[in-house]
């Protein structure tokens, strides 16, 4: 449900986009996005074909997803929320414990 979008400012100097995206982390991200990416040359906005091609890629992606948008399963969402709440509780407990240790250290 995603396309990685690059602009000319995204990569330094004379590096081509192809060279830039050979980075292992970017390859992982692009792979997670179904190997979909698009490059916009922001120095050449007069070229409407860039936007036309991007819209075509978006349309193909939507069709590939049976015309639907991304929707998270309720059970998955509840699990994520529960885990987030648990992590926040643990972080709060650690903050309180650290503060108590600091306070105790100051008193001695």
N, C-alpha and C. Protein backbone atom coordinates (compact mmCIF):
# COMPACT_ATOMS: atom_id res chain seq x y z
N UNK A 1 0.81 -1.20 0.00
CA UNK A 1 0.00 0.00 0.00
C UNK A 1 0.85 1.26 0.00
N UNK A 2 2.16 1.12 -0.26
CA UNK A 2 3.03 2.30 -0.23
C UNK A 2 3.99 2.31 -1.41
N UNK A 3 4.36 3.53 -1.76
CA UNK A 3 5.39 3.76 -2.77
C UNK A 3 6.41 4.70 -2.14
N UNK A 4 7.70 4.37 -2.25
CA UNK A 4 8.75 5.26 -1.76
C UNK A 4 8.97 6.32 -2.82
N UNK A 5 8.94 7.58 -2.40
CA UNK A 5 9.10 8.69 -3.33
C UNK A 5 10.41 9.40 -3.06
N UNK A 6 11.26 9.50 -4.08
CA UNK A 6 12.53 10.19 -3.97
C UNK A 6 12.46 11.49 -4.75
N UNK A 7 13.15 12.51 -4.24
CA UNK A 7 13.33 13.74 -4.99
C UNK A 7 14.82 13.92 -5.22
N UNK A 8 15.20 14.79 -6.12
CA UNK A 8 16.62 14.99 -6.41
C UNK A 8 17.40 15.40 -5.17
N UNK A 9 16.77 16.12 -4.27
CA UNK A 9 17.47 16.55 -3.06
C UNK A 9 17.73 15.40 -2.10
N UNK A 10 17.13 14.25 -2.33
CA UNK A 10 17.28 13.13 -1.41
C UNK A 10 18.64 12.46 -1.48
N UNK A 11 19.39 12.68 -2.54
CA UNK A 11 20.70 12.03 -2.63
C UNK A 11 21.76 13.05 -3.01
N UNK A 12 22.95 12.90 -2.46
CA UNK A 12 24.00 13.90 -2.60
C UNK A 12 24.74 13.85 -3.93
N UNK A 13 25.19 15.01 -4.37
CA UNK A 13 26.14 15.15 -5.47
C UNK A 13 25.76 14.45 -6.75
N UNK A 14 26.74 13.76 -7.30
CA UNK A 14 26.59 13.12 -8.60
C UNK A 14 26.09 11.68 -8.49
N UNK A 15 25.65 11.28 -7.33
CA UNK A 15 25.16 9.91 -7.14
C UNK A 15 23.85 9.76 -7.91
N UNK A 16 23.76 8.72 -8.71
CA UNK A 16 22.50 8.47 -9.42
C UNK A 16 21.50 7.86 -8.44
N UNK A 17 20.25 7.95 -8.79
CA UNK A 17 19.22 7.37 -7.93
C UNK A 17 19.44 5.89 -7.78
N UNK A 18 19.80 5.21 -8.86
CA UNK A 18 20.03 3.78 -8.81
C UNK A 18 21.15 3.44 -7.83
N UNK A 19 22.24 4.23 -7.87
CA UNK A 19 23.34 4.01 -6.93
C UNK A 19 22.88 4.29 -5.50
N UNK A 20 22.10 5.35 -5.33
CA UNK A 20 21.63 5.74 -4.02
C UNK A 20 20.76 4.66 -3.38
N UNK A 21 19.86 4.07 -4.17
CA UNK A 21 18.93 3.10 -3.59
C UNK A 21 19.54 1.72 -3.42
N UNK A 22 20.79 1.54 -3.82
CA UNK A 22 21.47 0.27 -3.59
C UNK A 22 21.84 0.10 -2.11
N UNK A 23 21.66 1.15 -1.33
CA UNK A 23 21.89 1.09 0.11
C UNK A 23 21.04 -0.01 0.72
N UNK A 24 21.64 -0.82 1.58
CA UNK A 24 20.95 -1.99 2.15
C UNK A 24 19.66 -1.61 2.88
N UNK A 25 19.69 -0.51 3.64
CA UNK A 25 18.50 -0.09 4.36
C UNK A 25 17.39 0.36 3.42
N UNK A 26 17.77 1.08 2.39
CA UNK A 26 16.76 1.51 1.41
C UNK A 26 16.20 0.32 0.65
N UNK A 27 17.04 -0.65 0.34
CA UNK A 27 16.57 -1.86 -0.33
C UNK A 27 15.53 -2.57 0.53
N UNK A 28 15.80 -2.61 1.84
CA UNK A 28 14.85 -3.24 2.76
C UNK A 28 13.52 -2.49 2.74
N UNK A 29 13.59 -1.15 2.82
CA UNK A 29 12.37 -0.33 2.82
C UNK A 29 11.61 -0.49 1.50
N UNK A 30 12.30 -0.39 0.41
CA UNK A 30 11.65 -0.53 -0.90
C UNK A 30 11.05 -1.93 -1.04
N UNK A 31 11.76 -2.94 -0.57
CA UNK A 31 11.23 -4.31 -0.58
C UNK A 31 9.94 -4.41 0.22
N UNK A 32 9.90 -3.76 1.39
CA UNK A 32 8.70 -3.77 2.22
C UNK A 32 7.53 -3.07 1.52
N UNK A 33 7.85 -2.20 0.58
CA UNK A 33 6.82 -1.47 -0.16
C UNK A 33 6.53 -2.12 -1.51
N UNK A 34 6.79 -3.41 -1.61
CA UNK A 34 6.49 -4.13 -2.84
C UNK A 34 7.40 -3.76 -4.00
N UNK A 35 8.63 -3.32 -3.69
CA UNK A 35 9.60 -2.87 -4.69
C UNK A 35 9.05 -1.71 -5.52
N UNK A 36 8.22 -0.91 -4.90
CA UNK A 36 7.65 0.26 -5.59
C UNK A 36 8.37 1.52 -5.12
N UNK A 37 8.87 2.27 -6.09
CA UNK A 37 9.43 3.58 -5.79
C UNK A 37 9.31 4.45 -7.03
N UNK A 38 9.42 5.75 -6.81
CA UNK A 38 9.34 6.69 -7.92
C UNK A 38 10.29 7.84 -7.62
N UNK A 39 10.86 8.41 -8.67
CA UNK A 39 11.79 9.53 -8.53
C UNK A 39 11.19 10.75 -9.20
N UNK A 40 11.11 11.85 -8.44
CA UNK A 40 10.69 13.13 -8.99
C UNK A 40 11.91 14.03 -9.08
N UNK A 41 12.17 14.54 -10.27
CA UNK A 41 13.25 15.50 -10.45
C UNK A 41 12.67 16.88 -10.17
N UNK A 42 12.91 17.38 -8.97
CA UNK A 42 12.31 18.65 -8.58
C UNK A 42 12.94 19.84 -9.30
N UNK A 43 14.01 19.60 -10.00
CA UNK A 43 14.63 20.67 -10.78
C UNK A 43 13.97 20.80 -12.16
N UNK A 44 13.06 19.90 -12.46
CA UNK A 44 12.43 19.88 -13.78
C UNK A 44 10.92 19.74 -13.64
N UNK A 45 10.28 20.66 -12.92
CA UNK A 45 8.85 20.57 -12.68
C UNK A 45 8.02 20.74 -13.95
N UNK A 46 8.61 21.34 -14.97
CA UNK A 46 7.88 21.56 -16.21
C UNK A 46 7.56 20.26 -16.94
N UNK A 47 8.23 19.20 -16.57
CA UNK A 47 8.03 17.90 -17.20
C UNK A 47 6.86 17.19 -16.52
N UNK A 48 5.67 17.31 -17.07
CA UNK A 48 4.48 16.71 -16.48
C UNK A 48 4.47 15.20 -16.52
N UNK A 49 5.37 14.60 -17.31
CA UNK A 49 5.37 13.15 -17.42
C UNK A 49 5.77 12.49 -16.09
N UNK A 50 6.54 13.20 -15.26
CA UNK A 50 6.94 12.63 -13.97
C UNK A 50 5.72 12.36 -13.10
N UNK A 51 4.83 13.34 -13.04
CA UNK A 51 3.63 13.21 -12.22
C UNK A 51 2.69 12.19 -12.85
N UNK A 52 2.58 12.21 -14.16
CA UNK A 52 1.73 11.24 -14.85
C UNK A 52 2.19 9.82 -14.55
N UNK A 53 3.50 9.60 -14.60
CA UNK A 53 4.02 8.26 -14.31
C UNK A 53 3.78 7.87 -12.85
N UNK A 54 3.93 8.83 -11.93
CA UNK A 54 3.66 8.55 -10.52
C UNK A 54 2.20 8.16 -10.33
N UNK A 55 1.30 8.90 -10.94
CA UNK A 55 -0.13 8.58 -10.82
C UNK A 55 -0.43 7.20 -11.41
N UNK A 56 0.25 6.86 -12.50
CA UNK A 56 0.07 5.54 -13.10
C UNK A 56 0.53 4.44 -12.13
N UNK A 57 1.66 4.66 -11.47
CA UNK A 57 2.16 3.68 -10.50
C UNK A 57 1.19 3.55 -9.32
N UNK A 58 0.64 4.67 -8.89
CA UNK A 58 -0.34 4.64 -7.79
C UNK A 58 -1.56 3.85 -8.21
N UNK A 59 -2.04 4.09 -9.42
CA UNK A 59 -3.22 3.37 -9.92
C UNK A 59 -2.95 1.87 -10.00
N UNK A 60 -1.77 1.49 -10.49
CA UNK A 60 -1.41 0.07 -10.56
C UNK A 60 -1.35 -0.55 -9.16
N UNK A 61 -0.83 0.20 -8.20
CA UNK A 61 -0.75 -0.30 -6.84
C UNK A 61 -2.15 -0.51 -6.26
N UNK A 62 -3.02 0.47 -6.47
CA UNK A 62 -4.40 0.36 -5.97
C UNK A 62 -5.10 -0.83 -6.61
N UNK A 63 -4.94 -0.99 -7.91
CA UNK A 63 -5.55 -2.14 -8.59
C UNK A 63 -4.98 -3.45 -8.06
N UNK A 64 -3.68 -3.46 -7.77
CA UNK A 64 -3.04 -4.65 -7.22
C UNK A 64 -3.56 -4.99 -5.83
N UNK A 65 -4.07 -3.99 -5.15
CA UNK A 65 -4.66 -4.20 -3.82
C UNK A 65 -6.18 -4.30 -3.90
N UNK A 66 -6.66 -4.72 -5.07
CA UNK A 66 -8.10 -4.88 -5.32
C UNK A 66 -8.89 -3.61 -5.06
N UNK A 67 -8.26 -2.47 -5.31
CA UNK A 67 -8.95 -1.19 -5.19
C UNK A 67 -9.13 -0.72 -3.77
N UNK A 68 -8.60 -1.47 -2.82
CA UNK A 68 -8.82 -1.11 -1.43
C UNK A 68 -7.66 -0.36 -0.81
N UNK A 69 -7.96 0.30 0.29
CA UNK A 69 -6.93 0.97 1.05
C UNK A 69 -6.45 0.05 2.18
N UNK A 70 -5.38 0.42 2.83
CA UNK A 70 -4.85 -0.40 3.91
C UNK A 70 -5.76 -0.27 5.12
N UNK A 71 -6.10 -1.39 5.68
CA UNK A 71 -6.93 -1.40 6.88
C UNK A 71 -6.38 -2.45 7.83
N UNK A 72 -6.10 -2.02 9.04
CA UNK A 72 -5.52 -2.94 10.02
C UNK A 72 -6.63 -3.76 10.67
N UNK A 73 -6.35 -5.00 10.90
CA UNK A 73 -7.26 -5.92 11.56
C UNK A 73 -7.49 -5.45 12.99
N UNK A 74 -8.74 -5.48 13.47
CA UNK A 74 -9.06 -5.01 14.83
C UNK A 74 -8.27 -5.74 15.91
N UNK A 75 -8.13 -7.05 15.77
CA UNK A 75 -7.37 -7.82 16.75
C UNK A 75 -5.92 -7.37 16.80
N UNK A 76 -5.34 -7.15 15.63
CA UNK A 76 -3.95 -6.68 15.57
C UNK A 76 -3.83 -5.31 16.21
N UNK A 77 -4.77 -4.44 15.90
CA UNK A 77 -4.75 -3.10 16.48
C UNK A 77 -4.85 -3.16 18.00
N UNK A 78 -5.71 -4.01 18.51
CA UNK A 78 -5.84 -4.15 19.96
C UNK A 78 -4.56 -4.68 20.59
N UNK A 79 -3.91 -5.63 19.92
CA UNK A 79 -2.65 -6.17 20.43
C UNK A 79 -1.57 -5.08 20.46
N UNK A 80 -1.52 -4.29 19.41
CA UNK A 80 -0.53 -3.21 19.35
C UNK A 80 -0.80 -2.19 20.44
N UNK A 81 -2.05 -1.81 20.62
CA UNK A 81 -2.40 -0.85 21.67
C UNK A 81 -2.06 -1.39 23.05
N UNK A 82 -2.34 -2.66 23.30
CA UNK A 82 -2.04 -3.27 24.58
C UNK A 82 -0.54 -3.25 24.85
N UNK A 83 0.23 -3.62 23.83
CA UNK A 83 1.69 -3.64 23.97
C UNK A 83 2.23 -2.23 24.22
N UNK A 84 1.68 -1.25 23.50
CA UNK A 84 2.11 0.14 23.69
C UNK A 84 1.82 0.61 25.11
N UNK A 85 0.63 0.29 25.61
CA UNK A 85 0.25 0.67 26.97
C UNK A 85 1.18 0.02 27.99
N UNK A 86 1.49 -1.26 27.79
CA UNK A 86 2.41 -1.96 28.69
C UNK A 86 3.79 -1.32 28.68
N UNK A 87 4.27 -0.96 27.51
CA UNK A 87 5.59 -0.33 27.40
C UNK A 87 5.59 1.04 28.08
N UNK A 88 4.52 1.80 27.92
CA UNK A 88 4.43 3.11 28.58
C UNK A 88 4.42 2.94 30.09
N UNK A 89 3.71 1.93 30.58
CA UNK A 89 3.65 1.68 32.02
C UNK A 89 5.03 1.32 32.56
N UNK A 90 5.76 0.45 31.84
CA UNK A 90 7.12 0.08 32.26
C UNK A 90 8.04 1.29 32.25
N UNK A 91 7.91 2.15 31.24
CA UNK A 91 8.75 3.35 31.16
C UNK A 91 8.44 4.28 32.33
N UNK A 92 7.18 4.44 32.67
CA UNK A 92 6.81 5.27 33.82
C UNK A 92 7.38 4.70 35.10
N UNK A 93 7.30 3.39 35.27
CA UNK A 93 7.84 2.74 36.47
C UNK A 93 9.35 2.97 36.56
N UNK A 94 10.05 2.87 35.42
CA UNK A 94 11.50 3.11 35.42
C UNK A 94 11.82 4.57 35.77
N UNK A 95 11.03 5.50 35.25
CA UNK A 95 11.25 6.92 35.56
C UNK A 95 11.07 7.18 37.06
N UNK A 96 10.02 6.60 37.63
CA UNK A 96 9.76 6.78 39.05
C UNK A 96 10.89 6.18 39.88
N UNK A 97 11.32 4.99 39.50
CA UNK A 97 12.41 4.33 40.22
C UNK A 97 13.69 5.15 40.14
N UNK A 98 14.01 5.66 38.95
CA UNK A 98 15.21 6.48 38.78
C UNK A 98 15.12 7.76 39.60
N UNK A 99 13.95 8.37 39.61
CA UNK A 99 13.77 9.59 40.39
C UNK A 99 13.94 9.31 41.88
N UNK A 100 13.39 8.18 42.34
CA UNK A 100 13.53 7.80 43.75
C UNK A 100 15.00 7.57 44.11
N UNK A 101 15.75 6.94 43.20
CA UNK A 101 17.18 6.73 43.43
C UNK A 101 17.93 8.06 43.50
N UNK A 102 17.59 8.99 42.62
CA UNK A 102 18.22 10.31 42.65
C UNK A 102 17.91 11.02 43.95
N UNK A 103 16.64 10.98 44.36
CA UNK A 103 16.23 11.63 45.60
C UNK A 103 16.96 11.01 46.80
N UNK A 104 17.08 9.71 46.80
CA UNK A 104 17.76 8.99 47.89
C UNK A 104 19.23 9.36 47.94
N UNK A 105 19.85 9.46 46.77
CA UNK A 105 21.28 9.81 46.67
C UNK A 105 21.50 11.23 47.19
N UNK A 106 20.62 12.14 46.89
CA UNK A 106 20.75 13.53 47.33
C UNK A 106 20.66 13.64 48.85
N UNK A 107 19.83 12.81 49.46
CA UNK A 107 19.62 12.86 50.92
C UNK A 107 20.83 12.33 51.67
N UNK A 108 21.63 11.48 51.05
CA UNK A 108 22.77 10.89 51.75
C UNK A 108 24.03 11.66 51.56
